[in-house]
Amino acid sequence: MGSLGTNWNTSKTGKALLGLALVCSFGVPTQSLWAQSREPEATKYWIFFQDKVLVDNPLLDELRELGVRPVHQSDWLKAISAYIPEDQLESVGSLPRVDRITRVARSRPVTK
């Protein structure tokens, strides 16, 4: 039973609350979750390039200006996977070096 004189530093409840506070404070990302939820809807796609050369920084900068968030570059495919806002698909697809855009296949769990 607790009393007004409970020492929170040594009680089980105090230690549990302190631990929870530490976990919560270190587990929160620096960017606000609210800011992330207001971003335009984006889906992950493969962006393939016509010239079959490595993707260079100016091209990545141009894609980022359109709201594209690159995830992975495949040297073998000469493509990148990236999140593209739905309202920017046409703009990205009309870039001179872009050959095609394909939605990244999602894996589905195997059920018995």
C-alpha atoms as a PDB file:
ATOM      1  CA  MET A   1       0.000   0.000   0.000  1.00  0.00           C
ATOM      2  CA  GLY A   2       1.281   3.414  -0.908  1.00  0.00           C
ATOM      3  CA  SER A   3       1.338   6.500   1.203  1.00  0.00           C
ATOM      4  CA  LEU A   4       2.133  10.124   0.583  1.00  0.00           C
ATOM      5  CA  GLY A   5       5.687   9.443   1.714  1.00  0.00           C
ATOM      6  CA  THR A   6       6.374   6.727  -0.909  1.00  0.00           C
ATOM      7  CA  ASN A   7       9.889   6.912  -2.309  1.00  0.00           C
ATOM      8  CA  TRP A   8       9.391   6.657  -6.102  1.00  0.00           C
ATOM      9  CA  ASN A   9      13.077   5.926  -6.670  1.00  0.00           C
ATOM     10  CA  THR A  10      12.939   2.598  -4.856  1.00  0.00           C
ATOM     11  CA  SER A  11       9.342   1.421  -5.281  1.00  0.00           C
ATOM     12  CA  LYS A  12       8.478  -1.115  -7.993  1.00  0.00           C
ATOM     13  CA  THR A  13       5.918   1.263  -9.474  1.00  0.00           C
ATOM     14  CA  GLY A  14       8.433   4.116  -9.581  1.00  0.00           C
ATOM     15  CA  LYS A  15      11.044   1.965 -11.321  1.00  0.00           C
ATOM     16  CA  ALA A  16       8.483   0.690 -13.808  1.00  0.00           C
ATOM     17  CA  LEU A  17       7.330   4.225 -14.637  1.00  0.00           C
ATOM     18  CA  LEU A  18      10.917   5.429 -15.010  1.00  0.00           C
ATOM     19  CA  GLY A  19      11.716   2.519 -17.335  1.00  0.00           C
ATOM     20  CA  LEU A  20       8.620   3.182 -19.423  1.00  0.00           C
ATOM     21  CA  ALA A  21       9.509   6.873 -19.692  1.00  0.00           C
ATOM     22  CA  LEU A  22      13.047   6.047 -20.849  1.00  0.00           C
ATOM     23  CA  VAL A  23      11.857   3.536 -23.454  1.00  0.00           C
ATOM     24  CA  CYS A  24       9.272   5.967 -24.791  1.00  0.00           C
ATOM     25  CA  SER A  25      11.670   8.905 -24.969  1.00  0.00           C
ATOM     26  CA  PHE A  26      14.339   6.986 -26.886  1.00  0.00           C
ATOM     27  CA  GLY A  27      11.917   5.133 -29.145  1.00  0.00           C
ATOM     28  CA  VAL A  28      10.233   8.224 -30.607  1.00  0.00           C
ATOM     29  CA  PRO A  29      11.545   9.315 -34.026  1.00  0.00           C
ATOM     30  CA  THR A  30      12.843  12.848 -34.326  1.00  0.00           C
ATOM     31  CA  GLN A  31      10.310  13.737 -37.033  1.00  0.00           C
ATOM     32  CA  SER A  32       6.736  14.131 -35.876  1.00  0.00           C
ATOM     33  CA  LEU A  33       4.382  11.283 -36.727  1.00  0.00           C
ATOM     34  CA  TRP A  34       1.736  13.887 -37.564  1.00  0.00           C
ATOM     35  CA  ALA A  35       3.974  15.443 -40.219  1.00  0.00           C
ATOM     36  CA  GLN A  36       4.505  12.030 -41.813  1.00  0.00           C
ATOM     37  CA  SER A  37       0.778  11.292 -41.973  1.00  0.00           C
ATOM     38  CA  ARG A  38       0.116  14.526 -43.897  1.00  0.00           C
ATOM     39  CA  GLU A  39       2.476  13.567 -46.735  1.00  0.00           C
ATOM     40  CA  PRO A  40       0.803  12.699 -50.056  1.00  0.00           C
ATOM     41  CA  GLU A  41      -0.039   9.038 -50.509  1.00  0.00           C
ATOM     42  CA  ALA A  42       2.975   7.220 -51.981  1.00  0.00           C
ATOM     43  CA  THR A  43       3.432   3.693 -53.314  1.00  0.00           C
ATOM     44  CA  LYS A  44       6.707   1.853 -53.913  1.00  0.00           C
ATOM     45  CA  TYR A  45       7.726   1.473 -57.574  1.00  0.00           C
ATOM     46  CA  TRP A  46      10.702   0.409 -59.679  1.00  0.00           C
ATOM     47  CA  ILE A  47      11.865   3.198 -61.994  1.00  0.00           C
ATOM     48  CA  PHE A  48      13.764   1.767 -64.993  1.00  0.00           C
ATOM     49  CA  PHE A  49      15.973   3.978 -67.174  1.00  0.00           C
ATOM     50  CA  GLN A  50      16.340   4.000 -71.008  1.00  0.00           C
ATOM     51  CA  ASP A  51      20.041   4.643 -71.292  1.00  0.00           C
ATOM     52  CA  LYS A  52      20.988   1.746 -69.029  1.00  0.00           C
ATOM     53  CA  VAL A  53      23.662   3.778 -67.239  1.00  0.00           C
ATOM     54  CA  LEU A  54      24.137   4.133 -63.531  1.00  0.00           C
ATOM     55  CA  VAL A  55      21.801   6.577 -61.889  1.00  0.00           C
ATOM     56  CA  ASP A  56      23.699   9.792 -61.166  1.00  0.00           C
ATOM     57  CA  ASN A  57      23.178  12.386 -58.454  1.00  0.00           C
ATOM     58  CA  PRO A  58      21.585  15.088 -60.681  1.00  0.00           C
ATOM     59  CA  LEU A  59      18.905  12.604 -61.715  1.00  0.00           C
ATOM     60  CA  LEU A  60      18.264  11.630 -58.094  1.00  0.00           C
ATOM     61  CA  ASP A  61      18.034  15.332 -57.202  1.00  0.00           C
ATOM     62  CA  GLU A  62      15.480  15.850 -59.987  1.00  0.00           C
ATOM     63  CA  LEU A  63      13.422  12.895 -58.748  1.00  0.00           C
ATOM     64  CA  ARG A  64      13.534  14.158 -55.154  1.00  0.00           C
ATOM     65  CA  GLU A  65      12.248  17.557 -56.328  1.00  0.00           C
ATOM     66  CA  LEU A  66       9.174  15.694 -57.624  1.00  0.00           C
ATOM     67  CA  GLY A  67       8.609  14.133 -54.205  1.00  0.00           C
ATOM     68  CA  VAL A  68      10.201  10.775 -55.018  1.00  0.00           C
ATOM     69  CA  ARG A  69      11.868   9.030 -52.059  1.00  0.00           C
ATOM     70  CA  PRO A  70      14.545   6.629 -53.411  1.00  0.00           C
ATOM     71  CA  VAL A  71      14.993   3.416 -51.454  1.00  0.00           C
ATOM     72  CA  HIS A  72      17.365   1.123 -53.363  1.00  0.00           C
ATOM     73  CA  GLN A  73      19.484   1.297 -56.495  1.00  0.00           C
ATOM     74  CA  SER A  74      19.990  -1.839 -58.587  1.00  0.00           C
ATOM     75  CA  ASP A  75      23.082  -1.618 -60.771  1.00  0.00           C
ATOM     76  CA  TRP A  76      22.116  -4.871 -62.480  1.00  0.00           C
ATOM     77  CA  LEU A  77      18.601  -3.663 -63.388  1.00  0.00           C
ATOM     78  CA  LYS A  78      19.732  -0.055 -63.968  1.00  0.00           C
ATOM     79  CA  ALA A  79      16.751   0.951 -61.889  1.00  0.00           C
ATOM     80  CA  ILE A  80      15.849   2.316 -58.498  1.00  0.00           C
ATOM     81  CA  SER A  81      13.031   1.431 -56.167  1.00  0.00           C
ATOM     82  CA  ALA A  82      11.336   4.469 -54.702  1.00  0.00           C
ATOM     83  CA  TYR A  83       8.177   5.783 -53.124  1.00  0.00           C
ATOM     84  CA  ILE A  84       6.374   7.986 -55.638  1.00  0.00           C
ATOM     85  CA  PRO A  85       3.385  10.144 -54.716  1.00  0.00           C
ATOM     86  CA  GLU A  86       0.395   9.094 -56.829  1.00  0.00           C
ATOM     87  CA  ASP A  87      -0.015  12.626 -58.191  1.00  0.00           C
ATOM     88  CA  GLN A  88       3.584  12.597 -59.523  1.00  0.00           C
ATOM     89  CA  LEU A  89       3.544   9.303 -61.472  1.00  0.00           C
ATOM     90  CA  GLU A  90       3.012  11.028 -64.840  1.00  0.00           C
ATOM     91  CA  SER A  91       5.702  13.619 -64.152  1.00  0.00           C
ATOM     92  CA  VAL A  92       8.255  10.954 -63.234  1.00  0.00           C
ATOM     93  CA  GLY A  93       7.258   8.769 -66.191  1.00  0.00           C
ATOM     94  CA  SER A  94       7.691  11.659 -68.643  1.00  0.00           C
ATOM     95  CA  LEU A  95      11.315  12.345 -67.664  1.00  0.00           C
ATOM     96  CA  PRO A  96      13.557  11.800 -70.719  1.00  0.00           C
ATOM     97  CA  ARG A  97      15.714   9.066 -69.158  1.00  0.00           C
ATOM     98  CA  VAL A  98      12.829   7.050 -67.667  1.00  0.00           C
ATOM     99  CA  ASP A  99      11.899   3.935 -69.652  1.00  0.00           C
ATOM    100  CA  ARG A 100       9.066   2.622 -67.489  1.00  0.00           C
ATOM    101  CA  ILE A 101       7.688   2.516 -63.980  1.00  0.00           C
ATOM    102  CA  THR A 102       6.480  -0.721 -62.397  1.00  0.00           C
ATOM    103  CA  ARG A 103       4.864  -1.178 -59.013  1.00  0.00           C
ATOM    104  CA  VAL A 104       7.025  -3.203 -56.628  1.00  0.00           C
ATOM    105  CA  ALA A 105       5.455  -6.611 -56.038  1.00  0.00           C
ATOM    106  CA  ARG A 106       4.358  -7.185 -52.478  1.00  0.00           C
ATOM    107  CA  SER A 107       4.874 -10.544 -50.849  1.00  0.00           C
ATOM    108  CA  ARG A 108       1.880 -12.305 -49.382  1.00  0.00           C
ATOM    109  CA  PRO A 109       1.992 -14.610 -46.404  1.00  0.00           C
ATOM    110  CA  VAL A 110       1.664 -18.301 -47.132  1.00  0.00           C
ATOM    111  CA  THR A 111      -1.341 -19.819 -45.408  1.00  0.00           C
ATOM    112  CA  LYS A 112      -2.088 -23.477 -44.855  1.00  0.00           C
END
